[in-house]
Amino acid sequence: MNLAQMYINGQYVEKNLSKALYWLNQAALQSHKPAILKYEIICKQLSSCQIYDFFKNLVTTGVNIKVRSLSTELTVEN
């Protein structure tokens, strides 16, 4: 989580939200609730991020989470 925060802020490393998501995902897979919440926030800032896949992966790997609502927006690229 701390390393992800460094990538988010560009503190001691170059700012990189993709790398931040990687480290947030690693913490989330260990059921770290703040990482799960922060992942969702950062994911909304990147068009390539699919939040549905993130939550699906958490459930598949056995992380006990409760999702209140999940928007299933679809984007069609031509």
N, C-alpha and C. Protein backbone atom coordinates (compact mmCIF):
# COMPACT_ATOMS: atom_id res chain seq x y z
N MET A 1 0.83 -1.18 0.00
CA MET A 1 0.00 0.00 0.00
C MET A 1 0.88 1.26 0.00
N ASN A 2 1.94 1.23 0.78
CA ASN A 2 2.83 2.40 0.84
C ASN A 2 3.52 2.65 -0.50
N LEU A 3 3.94 1.58 -1.15
CA LEU A 3 4.59 1.74 -2.45
C LEU A 3 3.60 2.28 -3.48
N ALA A 4 2.37 1.81 -3.44
CA ALA A 4 1.33 2.33 -4.34
C ALA A 4 1.13 3.82 -4.10
N GLN A 5 1.10 4.23 -2.85
CA GLN A 5 0.92 5.64 -2.52
C GLN A 5 2.07 6.48 -3.06
N MET A 6 3.27 5.93 -3.04
CA MET A 6 4.42 6.65 -3.60
C MET A 6 4.25 6.86 -5.10
N TYR A 7 3.76 5.84 -5.81
CA TYR A 7 3.52 5.98 -7.25
C TYR A 7 2.38 6.95 -7.54
N ILE A 8 1.39 6.98 -6.68
CA ILE A 8 0.26 7.90 -6.87
C ILE A 8 0.73 9.35 -6.73
N ASN A 9 1.56 9.61 -5.73
CA ASN A 9 2.01 10.97 -5.44
C ASN A 9 3.29 11.36 -6.19
N GLY A 10 3.98 10.39 -6.78
CA GLY A 10 5.26 10.69 -7.41
C GLY A 10 6.32 11.01 -6.37
N GLN A 11 6.23 10.35 -5.24
CA GLN A 11 7.15 10.61 -4.13
C GLN A 11 8.31 9.62 -4.18
N TYR A 12 9.52 10.08 -4.46
CA TYR A 12 10.74 9.29 -4.59
C TYR A 12 10.75 8.42 -5.84
N VAL A 13 9.67 8.37 -6.58
CA VAL A 13 9.57 7.62 -7.84
C VAL A 13 8.78 8.49 -8.81
N GLU A 14 8.86 8.15 -10.09
CA GLU A 14 8.07 8.87 -11.08
C GLU A 14 6.60 8.49 -10.91
N LYS A 15 5.72 9.48 -10.96
CA LYS A 15 4.29 9.22 -10.82
C LYS A 15 3.84 8.25 -11.90
N ASN A 16 3.16 7.17 -11.48
CA ASN A 16 2.73 6.14 -12.42
C ASN A 16 1.51 5.44 -11.83
N LEU A 17 0.33 5.78 -12.33
CA LEU A 17 -0.90 5.22 -11.78
C LEU A 17 -1.06 3.74 -12.11
N SER A 18 -0.51 3.29 -13.21
CA SER A 18 -0.59 1.87 -13.56
C SER A 18 0.19 1.03 -12.56
N LYS A 19 1.37 1.49 -12.21
CA LYS A 19 2.16 0.77 -11.20
C LYS A 19 1.49 0.85 -9.83
N ALA A 20 0.86 1.98 -9.55
CA ALA A 20 0.13 2.12 -8.29
C ALA A 20 -1.00 1.09 -8.23
N LEU A 21 -1.71 0.92 -9.34
CA LEU A 21 -2.79 -0.07 -9.37
C LEU A 21 -2.26 -1.48 -9.15
N TYR A 22 -1.10 -1.77 -9.71
CA TYR A 22 -0.50 -3.10 -9.50
C TYR A 22 -0.30 -3.36 -8.01
N TRP A 23 0.32 -2.39 -7.33
CA TRP A 23 0.61 -2.59 -5.90
C TRP A 23 -0.65 -2.54 -5.04
N LEU A 24 -1.61 -1.74 -5.43
CA LEU A 24 -2.89 -1.75 -4.72
C LEU A 24 -3.57 -3.10 -4.89
N ASN A 25 -3.48 -3.66 -6.07
CA ASN A 25 -4.06 -4.98 -6.32
C ASN A 25 -3.39 -6.04 -5.44
N GLN A 26 -2.07 -5.96 -5.32
CA GLN A 26 -1.36 -6.92 -4.46
C GLN A 26 -1.84 -6.84 -3.02
N ALA A 27 -2.03 -5.64 -2.53
CA ALA A 27 -2.53 -5.46 -1.16
C ALA A 27 -3.99 -5.89 -1.05
N ALA A 28 -4.78 -5.61 -2.07
CA ALA A 28 -6.19 -5.99 -2.07
C ALA A 28 -6.35 -7.50 -2.03
N LEU A 29 -5.46 -8.22 -2.71
CA LEU A 29 -5.52 -9.68 -2.71
C LEU A 29 -5.25 -10.26 -1.33
N GLN A 30 -4.71 -9.43 -0.44
CA GLN A 30 -4.49 -9.83 0.95
C GLN A 30 -5.60 -9.30 1.85
N SER A 31 -6.72 -8.93 1.23
CA SER A 31 -7.92 -8.43 1.93
C SER A 31 -7.70 -7.11 2.66
N HIS A 32 -6.81 -6.28 2.14
CA HIS A 32 -6.54 -4.98 2.75
C HIS A 32 -7.59 -3.99 2.24
N LYS A 33 -8.57 -3.69 3.08
CA LYS A 33 -9.71 -2.88 2.66
C LYS A 33 -9.32 -1.49 2.13
N PRO A 34 -8.41 -0.77 2.79
CA PRO A 34 -8.03 0.54 2.23
C PRO A 34 -7.47 0.44 0.81
N ALA A 35 -6.76 -0.64 0.50
CA ALA A 35 -6.22 -0.82 -0.84
C ALA A 35 -7.35 -1.05 -1.85
N ILE A 36 -8.37 -1.77 -1.45
CA ILE A 36 -9.51 -2.02 -2.32
C ILE A 36 -10.22 -0.71 -2.64
N LEU A 37 -10.43 0.10 -1.62
CA LEU A 37 -11.10 1.39 -1.81
C LEU A 37 -10.26 2.34 -2.67
N LYS A 38 -8.96 2.38 -2.41
CA LYS A 38 -8.07 3.27 -3.17
C LYS A 38 -7.96 2.80 -4.62
N TYR A 39 -7.96 1.49 -4.85
CA TYR A 39 -7.90 0.95 -6.20
C TYR A 39 -9.08 1.49 -7.02
N GLU A 40 -10.25 1.46 -6.43
CA GLU A 40 -11.45 1.94 -7.14
C GLU A 40 -11.31 3.42 -7.51
N ILE A 41 -10.78 4.21 -6.62
CA ILE A 41 -10.60 5.64 -6.87
C ILE A 41 -9.62 5.88 -8.01
N ILE A 42 -8.49 5.20 -7.96
CA ILE A 42 -7.45 5.39 -8.99
C ILE A 42 -7.91 4.81 -10.32
N CYS A 43 -8.62 3.70 -10.28
CA CYS A 43 -9.08 3.05 -11.50
C CYS A 43 -9.97 3.99 -12.32
N LYS A 44 -10.76 4.80 -11.66
CA LYS A 44 -11.65 5.73 -12.35
C LYS A 44 -10.87 6.79 -13.14
N GLN A 45 -9.59 6.97 -12.80
CA GLN A 45 -8.77 7.98 -13.47
C GLN A 45 -8.08 7.45 -14.72
N LEU A 46 -8.15 6.13 -14.94
CA LEU A 46 -7.50 5.53 -16.10
C LEU A 46 -8.53 4.86 -17.00
N SER A 47 -8.54 5.23 -18.26
CA SER A 47 -9.53 4.67 -19.17
C SER A 47 -9.29 3.17 -19.42
N SER A 48 -8.07 2.71 -19.25
CA SER A 48 -7.76 1.31 -19.49
C SER A 48 -8.11 0.39 -18.32
N CYS A 49 -8.49 0.96 -17.20
CA CYS A 49 -8.78 0.17 -16.00
C CYS A 49 -10.21 -0.34 -16.02
N GLN A 50 -10.39 -1.62 -15.74
CA GLN A 50 -11.70 -2.25 -15.69
C GLN A 50 -12.01 -2.67 -14.26
N ILE A 51 -12.79 -1.89 -13.55
CA ILE A 51 -13.07 -2.15 -12.15
C ILE A 51 -13.83 -3.46 -11.95
N TYR A 52 -14.68 -3.81 -12.91
CA TYR A 52 -15.42 -5.06 -12.80
C TYR A 52 -14.46 -6.24 -12.75
N ASP A 53 -13.43 -6.24 -13.59
CA ASP A 53 -12.45 -7.32 -13.60
C ASP A 53 -11.70 -7.40 -12.28
N PHE A 54 -11.41 -6.25 -11.69
CA PHE A 54 -10.72 -6.19 -10.40
C PHE A 54 -11.55 -6.89 -9.33
N PHE A 55 -12.83 -6.52 -9.21
CA PHE A 55 -13.68 -7.14 -8.20
C PHE A 55 -13.92 -8.62 -8.48
N LYS A 56 -14.05 -8.96 -9.74
CA LYS A 56 -14.23 -10.37 -10.11
C LYS A 56 -13.02 -11.18 -9.68
N ASN A 57 -11.82 -10.63 -9.90
CA ASN A 57 -10.59 -11.31 -9.50
C ASN A 57 -10.51 -11.47 -7.98
N LEU A 58 -10.92 -10.45 -7.25
CA LEU A 58 -10.91 -10.55 -5.79
C LEU A 58 -11.82 -11.68 -5.31
N VAL A 59 -13.02 -11.74 -5.86
CA VAL A 59 -13.97 -12.78 -5.46
C VAL A 59 -13.44 -14.16 -5.85
N THR A 60 -12.88 -14.26 -7.05
CA THR A 60 -12.34 -15.53 -7.54
C THR A 60 -11.21 -16.05 -6.65
N THR A 61 -10.39 -15.14 -6.15
CA THR A 61 -9.26 -15.55 -5.32
C THR A 61 -9.63 -15.71 -3.85
N GLY A 62 -10.90 -15.48 -3.52
CA GLY A 62 -11.37 -15.75 -2.16
C GLY A 62 -11.36 -14.57 -1.20
N VAL A 63 -11.16 -13.37 -1.72
CA VAL A 63 -11.20 -12.19 -0.86
C VAL A 63 -12.66 -11.92 -0.51
N ASN A 64 -12.96 -11.81 0.76
CA ASN A 64 -14.32 -11.61 1.24
C ASN A 64 -14.66 -10.11 1.18
N ILE A 65 -15.40 -9.73 0.15
CA ILE A 65 -15.79 -8.33 -0.02
C ILE A 65 -17.28 -8.24 -0.24
N LYS A 66 -17.81 -7.08 0.05
CA LYS A 66 -19.21 -6.79 -0.24
C LYS A 66 -19.23 -5.59 -1.17
N VAL A 67 -19.86 -5.75 -2.30
CA VAL A 67 -19.97 -4.67 -3.27
C VAL A 67 -21.40 -4.16 -3.21
N ARG A 68 -21.56 -2.90 -2.82
CA ARG A 68 -22.90 -2.33 -2.71
C ARG A 68 -23.52 -2.09 -4.07
N SER A 69 -22.76 -1.48 -4.95
CA SER A 69 -23.25 -1.28 -6.32
C SER A 69 -22.04 -1.20 -7.23
N LEU A 70 -22.21 -1.73 -8.41
CA LEU A 70 -21.13 -1.74 -9.38
C LEU A 70 -21.71 -1.35 -10.72
N SER A 71 -21.27 -0.22 -11.22
CA SER A 71 -21.74 0.26 -12.51
C SER A 71 -21.15 -0.62 -13.60
N THR A 72 -21.98 -1.01 -14.53
CA THR A 72 -21.51 -1.86 -15.63
C THR A 72 -21.56 -1.07 -16.93
N GLU A 73 -20.86 0.05 -16.94
CA GLU A 73 -20.78 0.89 -18.13
C GLU A 73 -19.95 0.19 -19.19
N LEU A 74 -20.46 0.19 -20.39
CA LEU A 74 -19.72 -0.40 -21.50
C LEU A 74 -19.31 0.68 -22.46
N THR A 75 -18.08 0.57 -22.95
CA THR A 75 -17.59 1.53 -23.93
C THR A 75 -17.32 0.78 -25.22
N VAL A 76 -17.88 1.27 -26.29
CA VAL A 76 -17.68 0.65 -27.60
C VAL A 76 -16.74 1.51 -28.40
N GLU A 77 -15.61 0.91 -28.82
CA GLU A 77 -14.63 1.63 -29.63
C GLU A 77 -14.81 1.23 -31.07
N ASN A 78 -14.83 2.20 -31.95
CA ASN A 78 -14.95 1.92 -33.39
C ASN A 78 -13.61 1.84 -34.04
